[in-house]
Amino acid sequence: MNQRRERAGSRPPLEPNLNDLPDLAPIDWSSIGATAPKLVDTPVNDLTPADVVIITWTSAEWAAMNHVFTASDQSLDPYHYTDDWPGWQRYTRDMPDLEGWYEWGSYRLVEMNGEKVMLFKSNTHLDWPDDGKQLAPLVARIVKYVKPRLVLSIGTAGGARITDPLGTVNVVNAGTLYDSRESADAWPTYRSRWEPCWQAVERVKALTQPIPVNQKDLQSLANQFNAYYETLYSLDELNPDNLNLPEGKPALNNLAVSGIPLLTTSTFVVGTTDGKYNDFACIEMDDAVIFKTIVDSGEDILFGSARNLSDPVQNASLPAWVQSSWGSLIYKAYGLYTSFGGALTAWATVNGFLNPR
């Protein structure tokens, strides 16, 4: 098994081969008595003030954000989208000179309820570049120049709770920073007094869509996995408790009301069916650093996160490399769709924040 682990680690991640995945359809905002965000001019290379900042990271997350906030009148082909979205500006001001790193990220302004909302696609994680040392400076720049009232992080995450299937969206107002050198009770947690307007989220549920996953495609992915990594795992082993085959529309959970934090790690930590991380909303690689930076700034800025589960908890009996490789494959297949639910939830929480009733 050690040799097999080495082979898995030395080759590029497996890309899923699935046919007939559906487009993300245009959004009928009028069906919930709402309107699409208004597109406004975005200044070049200048973080202008805005009431809310929404941050995301990967291409799939960015595509879903762009679809919901700037292009909801169009369909989105999951097989043919790029990162070249119209109207977005690159942010490169005062960047450190680091090899292979060319921008802090890209941003775009929209208007909701007469207020400015900045959408930001970050190009820095807790693990890259510069060993993650640039994420906090990026957030500090947003705090300084944008001066938002609310910073909301959205995007994909790994499962932590053994009851959350693929596509679940967990909304939190706290994040815990993982530290392998300390016991869990010593990990710092950063909290906000922000509470999502759940009435707004309940309204947007009508616009969410089931994750387009089925038994046949999951079995195909398992077959592709075994052929690529030269393994013999059954689908039942790779898909514990059928968590990768959710029923109906994704659950949208308000975990802020009970103060449940997410867990932020600088390495790939996997939640498993043994429930080791069951006290956390999910596992991801950015948010607690964002929260800490805002708290350390001393500014009166609210913060929170709406994370979607692109890979639920893994089978605890499987080797770690299998858990991470299978989770990566599920993300690559369905991360765009799980991110759509997360982006809609973000729209709802921001709409409720800017238009409280």
Protein backbone atom coordinates (compact mmCIF):
# COMPACT_ATOMS: atom_id res chain seq x y z
CA MET A 1 0.00 0.00 0.00
CA ASN A 2 2.92 2.38 0.59
CA GLN A 3 4.06 1.92 -3.00
CA ARG A 4 0.54 2.56 -4.21
CA ARG A 5 0.35 5.71 -2.11
CA GLU A 6 3.61 6.90 -3.65
CA ARG A 7 2.29 6.26 -7.15
CA ALA A 8 -0.90 8.19 -6.36
CA GLY A 9 1.09 11.10 -5.02
CA SER A 10 3.42 11.24 -8.02
CA ARG A 11 0.77 11.48 -10.71
CA PRO A 12 -1.63 14.38 -11.40
CA PRO A 13 -5.09 14.24 -9.83
CA LEU A 14 -7.64 12.25 -11.78
CA GLU A 15 -10.01 14.30 -13.94
CA PRO A 16 -13.59 12.96 -14.02
CA ASN A 17 -15.07 11.83 -17.31
CA LEU A 18 -18.84 12.28 -17.16
CA ASN A 19 -21.26 13.00 -19.98
CA ASP A 20 -24.50 15.00 -20.03
CA LEU A 21 -23.99 17.12 -16.92
CA PRO A 22 -26.58 19.92 -17.15
CA ASP A 23 -26.03 23.63 -17.59
CA LEU A 24 -26.65 25.98 -14.72
CA ALA A 25 -29.91 27.52 -15.89
CA PRO A 26 -30.76 31.23 -15.88
CA ILE A 27 -32.15 32.39 -12.53
CA ASP A 28 -35.77 33.51 -12.38
CA TRP A 29 -35.46 36.10 -9.63
CA SER A 30 -39.05 37.24 -10.13
CA SER A 31 -40.27 33.85 -8.90
CA ILE A 32 -39.23 34.89 -5.37
CA GLY A 33 -40.09 38.56 -5.81
CA ALA A 34 -36.45 39.60 -6.21
CA THR A 35 -34.24 41.22 -8.82
CA ALA A 36 -30.74 40.41 -10.03
CA PRO A 37 -27.81 42.44 -8.69
CA LYS A 38 -27.18 45.55 -10.77
CA LEU A 39 -23.92 45.70 -12.70
CA VAL A 40 -21.92 48.87 -12.08
CA ASP A 41 -18.58 50.16 -13.34
CA THR A 42 -15.59 48.69 -11.55
CA PRO A 43 -12.47 50.89 -11.20
CA VAL A 44 -9.19 49.51 -12.52
CA ASN A 45 -6.72 48.21 -9.92
CA ASP A 46 -8.35 50.14 -7.10
CA LEU A 47 -10.19 48.66 -4.12
CA THR A 48 -12.96 51.21 -3.84
CA PRO A 49 -15.26 51.36 -0.78
CA ALA A 50 -18.20 48.94 -0.63
CA ASP A 51 -20.68 47.90 2.04
CA VAL A 52 -20.07 44.16 1.61
CA VAL A 53 -17.18 42.06 0.32
CA ILE A 54 -17.75 38.47 -0.81
CA ILE A 55 -14.57 36.42 -1.25
CA THR A 56 -14.15 33.10 -3.06
CA TRP A 57 -11.23 31.10 -4.51
CA THR A 58 -11.37 28.28 -7.06
CA SER A 59 -12.50 28.40 -10.69
CA ALA A 60 -15.68 26.45 -9.95
CA GLU A 61 -16.52 28.75 -7.02
CA TRP A 62 -15.81 31.83 -9.15
CA ALA A 63 -17.98 30.54 -11.99
CA ALA A 64 -20.91 30.00 -9.62
CA MET A 65 -20.41 33.43 -8.02
CA ASN A 66 -20.27 35.11 -11.41
CA HIS A 67 -23.38 33.23 -12.55
CA VAL A 68 -25.45 34.30 -9.54
CA PHE A 69 -24.23 37.88 -9.14
CA THR A 70 -23.41 39.10 -12.67
CA ALA A 71 -24.76 36.74 -15.35
CA SER A 72 -27.91 35.19 -13.92
CA ASP A 73 -29.84 35.83 -17.14
CA GLN A 74 -27.63 33.32 -18.99
CA SER A 75 -27.03 29.59 -18.77
CA LEU A 76 -23.58 28.27 -17.80
CA ASP A 77 -22.09 25.27 -19.60
CA PRO A 78 -20.14 23.14 -17.08
CA TYR A 79 -17.85 21.84 -19.82
CA HIS A 80 -16.89 25.13 -21.44
CA TYR A 81 -16.34 27.93 -18.97
CA THR A 82 -13.12 29.84 -18.37
CA ASP A 83 -11.81 32.33 -15.84
CA ASP A 84 -12.12 35.22 -18.29
CA TRP A 85 -15.34 36.77 -16.98
CA PRO A 86 -16.27 40.17 -18.46
CA GLY A 87 -16.22 43.20 -16.20
CA TRP A 88 -13.74 41.81 -13.66
CA GLN A 89 -10.52 43.69 -12.85
CA ARG A 90 -7.18 42.27 -11.73
CA TYR A 91 -5.78 43.62 -8.46
CA THR A 92 -1.98 43.84 -8.48
CA ARG A 93 -1.19 46.95 -6.45
CA ASP A 94 1.81 46.79 -4.08
CA MET A 95 2.32 43.04 -4.60
CA PRO A 96 5.39 41.34 -3.15
CA ASP A 97 7.71 39.96 -5.82
CA LEU A 98 7.06 36.22 -5.63
CA GLU A 99 7.76 33.76 -8.42
CA GLY A 100 4.64 32.46 -10.16
CA TRP A 101 2.26 34.83 -8.37
CA TYR A 102 0.91 37.64 -10.51
CA GLU A 103 -2.14 39.12 -8.77
CA TRP A 104 -3.83 39.34 -5.40
CA GLY A 105 -6.99 38.34 -7.23
CA SER A 106 -9.80 39.72 -9.37
CA TYR A 107 -12.77 41.82 -8.30
CA ARG A 108 -16.02 43.27 -9.55
CA LEU A 109 -18.64 45.63 -8.14
CA VAL A 110 -22.38 45.07 -8.19
CA GLU A 111 -25.21 46.92 -6.52
CA MET A 112 -27.85 45.37 -4.26
CA ASN A 113 -30.60 47.37 -2.57
CA GLY A 114 -28.79 50.56 -3.55
CA GLU A 115 -25.55 49.49 -1.81
CA LYS A 116 -22.18 48.48 -3.29
CA VAL A 117 -21.07 44.85 -3.03
CA MET A 118 -17.53 43.86 -4.01
CA LEU A 119 -17.05 40.36 -5.38
CA PHE A 120 -13.45 39.18 -4.93
CA LYS A 121 -11.84 36.07 -6.41
CA SER A 122 -8.72 35.57 -4.29
CA ASN A 123 -5.47 34.28 -5.76
CA THR A 124 -3.95 33.43 -2.40
CA HIS A 125 -4.69 30.62 0.07
CA LEU A 126 -3.44 29.72 3.50
CA ASP A 127 -1.03 27.30 1.78
CA TRP A 128 0.02 29.42 -1.28
CA PRO A 129 1.95 31.49 -2.19
CA ASP A 130 4.78 32.14 0.23
CA ASP A 131 3.51 29.39 2.56
CA GLY A 132 0.23 31.26 2.94
CA LYS A 133 1.83 34.45 4.27
CA GLN A 134 -0.04 36.70 1.81
CA LEU A 135 -3.64 35.88 2.76
CA ALA A 136 -3.69 38.05 5.88
CA PRO A 137 -2.09 41.04 4.06
CA LEU A 138 -4.73 40.73 1.33
CA VAL A 139 -7.53 40.82 3.90
CA ALA A 140 -5.84 43.74 5.65
CA ARG A 141 -5.86 45.64 2.35
CA ILE A 142 -9.57 44.93 1.91
CA VAL A 143 -10.23 46.15 5.45
CA LYS A 144 -8.19 49.32 4.86
CA TYR A 145 -9.39 50.35 1.42
CA VAL A 146 -12.86 48.84 0.97
CA LYS A 147 -14.01 49.53 4.54
CA PRO A 148 -16.89 47.04 4.37
CA ARG A 149 -19.53 46.52 7.02
CA LEU A 150 -19.57 42.78 6.29
CA VAL A 151 -17.02 40.35 4.84
CA LEU A 152 -18.49 37.05 3.70
CA SER A 153 -16.39 34.10 2.56
CA ILE A 154 -17.98 31.53 0.27
CA GLY A 155 -16.82 28.43 -1.55
CA THR A 156 -16.29 24.71 -1.39
CA ALA A 157 -15.26 22.75 1.69
CA GLY A 158 -14.78 19.23 2.92
CA GLY A 159 -17.32 17.65 5.18
CA ALA A 160 -16.79 17.47 8.93
CA ARG A 161 -20.23 16.42 10.23
CA ILE A 162 -21.19 12.84 9.44
CA THR A 163 -24.79 13.85 8.66
CA ASP A 164 -24.04 16.39 5.89
CA PRO A 165 -24.32 15.04 2.32
CA LEU A 166 -22.85 16.47 -0.87
CA GLY A 167 -24.09 20.01 -1.61
CA THR A 168 -25.00 20.97 1.96
CA VAL A 169 -24.44 24.68 2.66
CA ASN A 170 -23.43 25.58 6.22
CA VAL A 171 -23.52 29.24 7.26
CA VAL A 172 -21.32 30.23 10.23
CA ASN A 173 -20.06 33.31 12.05
CA ALA A 174 -17.00 31.66 13.65
CA GLY A 175 -13.84 29.92 12.52
CA THR A 176 -11.28 27.82 14.37
CA LEU A 177 -7.64 27.70 13.28
CA TYR A 178 -6.23 24.15 13.22
CA ASP A 179 -2.79 23.61 14.73
CA SER A 180 -1.27 20.13 14.53
CA ARG A 181 1.12 21.03 17.36
CA GLU A 182 -1.68 21.70 19.86
CA SER A 183 -4.63 19.77 21.22
CA ALA A 184 -8.00 20.71 19.75
CA ASP A 185 -9.11 22.56 22.89
CA ALA A 186 -6.17 24.97 22.40
CA TRP A 187 -7.05 25.92 18.81
CA PRO A 188 -8.08 29.60 18.65
CA THR A 189 -11.59 30.52 17.49
CA TYR A 190 -12.59 33.89 16.06
CA ARG A 191 -16.23 34.95 16.31
CA SER A 192 -18.45 37.68 14.91
CA ARG A 193 -21.74 39.03 16.17
CA TRP A 194 -23.12 38.77 12.62
CA GLU A 195 -26.28 36.71 12.30
CA PRO A 196 -27.62 35.78 8.86
CA CYS A 197 -31.15 36.85 7.97
CA TRP A 198 -32.59 33.37 7.65
CA GLN A 199 -35.90 34.57 6.31
CA ALA A 200 -34.02 35.70 3.18
CA VAL A 201 -32.31 32.31 2.92
CA GLU A 202 -35.62 30.48 3.22
CA ARG A 203 -36.90 32.47 0.24
CA VAL A 204 -33.92 31.59 -1.96
CA LYS A 205 -34.35 27.84 -1.39
CA ALA A 206 -36.87 27.88 -4.23
CA LEU A 207 -34.03 28.78 -6.64
CA THR A 208 -31.61 26.04 -5.56
CA GLN A 209 -31.19 22.91 -7.68
CA PRO A 210 -30.45 19.28 -6.76
CA ILE A 211 -26.85 18.23 -7.33
CA PRO A 212 -26.97 16.30 -10.66
CA VAL A 213 -25.42 13.12 -9.27
CA ASN A 214 -26.83 9.63 -9.74
CA GLN A 215 -25.88 6.04 -8.98
CA LYS A 216 -24.69 5.34 -12.53
CA ASP A 217 -22.31 8.31 -12.62
CA LEU A 218 -20.97 7.58 -9.12
CA GLN A 219 -20.24 4.00 -10.16
CA SER A 220 -18.51 5.34 -13.27
CA LEU A 221 -16.35 7.59 -11.09
CA ALA A 222 -15.49 4.65 -8.83
CA ASN A 223 -14.48 2.61 -11.89
CA GLN A 224 -12.36 5.49 -13.20
CA PHE A 225 -10.75 5.86 -9.75
CA ASN A 226 -9.83 2.16 -9.55
CA ALA A 227 -8.48 2.06 -13.08
CA TYR A 228 -6.34 5.16 -12.59
CA TYR A 229 -4.94 4.30 -9.16
CA GLU A 230 -4.86 0.51 -9.67
CA THR A 231 -7.15 -0.19 -6.74
CA LEU A 232 -10.22 -2.36 -6.14
CA TYR A 233 -12.46 -0.26 -3.90
CA SER A 234 -16.21 -0.74 -4.10
CA LEU A 235 -18.54 2.21 -4.45
CA ASP A 236 -19.92 1.43 -0.99
CA GLU A 237 -16.43 1.88 0.44
CA LEU A 238 -15.85 5.15 -1.41
CA ASN A 239 -19.36 6.45 -0.74
CA PRO A 240 -20.03 5.83 2.96
CA ASP A 241 -23.65 6.17 4.07
CA ASN A 242 -24.48 7.32 0.52
CA LEU A 243 -23.32 10.83 1.42
CA ASN A 244 -22.27 11.48 -2.18
CA LEU A 245 -25.81 10.75 -3.41
CA PRO A 246 -28.03 13.37 -1.72
CA GLU A 247 -31.79 13.33 -2.10
CA GLY A 248 -33.51 16.46 -3.40
CA LYS A 249 -32.25 20.00 -3.06
CA PRO A 250 -29.23 20.74 -0.84
CA ALA A 251 -29.77 21.56 2.81
CA LEU A 252 -29.06 25.17 3.82
CA ASN A 253 -28.10 25.21 7.50
CA ASN A 254 -27.89 28.18 9.86
CA LEU A 255 -25.06 27.10 12.17
CA ALA A 256 -24.34 30.69 13.21
CA VAL A 257 -27.36 30.62 15.49
CA SER A 258 -25.68 27.94 17.62
CA GLY A 259 -22.13 29.27 17.24
CA ILE A 260 -20.72 26.18 15.50
CA PRO A 261 -17.39 27.17 13.89
CA LEU A 262 -15.79 25.88 10.73
CA LEU A 263 -12.24 24.51 10.83
CA THR A 264 -9.46 26.17 8.83
CA THR A 265 -6.33 24.17 8.05
CA SER A 266 -3.15 24.95 6.15
CA THR A 267 -2.85 21.37 4.90
CA PHE A 268 -5.35 18.90 3.49
CA VAL A 269 -7.18 17.61 6.57
CA VAL A 270 -10.03 15.19 5.86
CA GLY A 271 -13.17 14.72 7.90
CA THR A 272 -14.09 11.06 8.24
CA THR A 273 -16.91 8.82 9.39
CA ASP A 274 -15.29 8.37 12.81
CA GLY A 275 -16.68 11.83 13.67
CA LYS A 276 -13.32 13.28 14.74
CA TYR A 277 -14.29 16.75 13.47
CA ASN A 278 -18.03 16.44 14.01
CA ASP A 279 -18.12 19.58 16.18
CA PHE A 280 -17.18 21.76 13.19
CA ALA A 281 -19.35 22.95 10.31
CA CYS A 282 -16.82 21.93 7.64
CA ILE A 283 -13.10 21.91 6.86
CA GLU A 284 -11.51 24.48 4.52
CA MET A 285 -8.30 26.48 4.09
CA ASP A 286 -8.92 30.23 4.48
CA ASP A 287 -11.72 31.57 6.63
CA ALA A 288 -10.33 31.60 10.18
CA VAL A 289 -7.36 33.60 8.85
CA ILE A 290 -9.79 36.13 7.36
CA PHE A 291 -11.69 36.30 10.64
CA LYS A 292 -8.49 36.66 12.70
CA THR A 293 -7.21 39.46 10.47
CA ILE A 294 -10.47 41.38 10.84
CA VAL A 295 -10.48 40.90 14.63
CA ASP A 296 -6.83 41.98 14.85
CA SER A 297 -7.57 45.11 12.80
CA GLY A 298 -9.79 46.46 15.56
CA GLU A 299 -12.31 47.65 12.96
CA ASP A 300 -16.03 47.17 13.54
CA ILE A 301 -16.53 44.76 10.64
CA LEU A 302 -18.88 41.80 10.73
CA PHE A 303 -17.81 38.53 9.14
CA GLY A 304 -19.15 35.11 8.31
CA SER A 305 -19.00 32.25 5.86
CA ALA A 306 -21.33 30.24 3.64
CA ARG A 307 -19.46 27.07 2.73
CA ASN A 308 -20.81 24.33 0.46
CA LEU A 309 -19.75 20.71 0.83
CA SER A 310 -18.11 19.63 -2.40
CA ASP A 311 -16.82 16.43 -0.77
CA PRO A 312 -18.55 14.98 2.32
CA VAL A 313 -16.79 13.07 5.09
CA GLN A 314 -14.74 10.11 3.91
CA ASN A 315 -14.69 6.47 4.95
CA ALA A 316 -12.46 6.37 8.04
CA SER A 317 -11.28 2.85 7.21
CA LEU A 318 -9.64 3.91 3.94
CA PRO A 319 -6.04 5.13 3.59
CA ALA A 320 -5.60 8.89 3.79
CA TRP A 321 -4.48 9.18 0.16
CA VAL A 322 -7.64 7.39 -0.99
CA GLN A 323 -9.82 9.71 1.11
CA SER A 324 -8.19 12.84 -0.33
CA SER A 325 -8.07 11.52 -3.91
CA TRP A 326 -11.72 10.45 -3.91
CA GLY A 327 -12.75 13.77 -2.34
CA SER A 328 -10.82 15.62 -5.05
CA LEU A 329 -12.57 13.62 -7.77
CA ILE A 330 -16.02 14.36 -6.33
CA TYR A 331 -15.14 18.06 -6.11
CA LYS A 332 -13.97 18.14 -9.72
CA ALA A 333 -17.20 16.47 -10.86
CA TYR A 334 -19.72 18.43 -8.80
CA GLY A 335 -18.01 21.47 -7.25
CA LEU A 336 -19.64 23.88 -9.70
CA TYR A 337 -23.09 22.66 -8.69
CA THR A 338 -22.45 22.66 -4.96
CA SER A 339 -20.96 26.16 -5.33
CA PHE A 340 -24.17 27.34 -7.01
CA GLY A 341 -26.11 26.59 -3.83
CA GLY A 342 -23.46 28.38 -1.81
CA ALA A 343 -23.52 31.45 -4.06
CA LEU A 344 -27.32 31.65 -3.88
CA THR A 345 -27.12 31.43 -0.09
CA ALA A 346 -24.55 34.24 -0.12
CA TRP A 347 -26.87 36.37 -2.27
CA ALA A 348 -29.69 35.75 0.23
CA THR A 349 -27.64 36.58 3.32
CA VAL A 350 -26.29 39.78 1.72
CA ASN A 351 -29.75 40.76 0.51
CA GLY A 352 -31.08 40.27 4.02
CA PHE A 353 -28.19 42.20 5.53
CA LEU A 354 -28.72 45.19 3.22
CA ASN A 355 -32.50 45.08 3.42
CA PRO A 356 -33.44 43.95 6.94
CA ARG A 357 -37.14 43.45 7.62
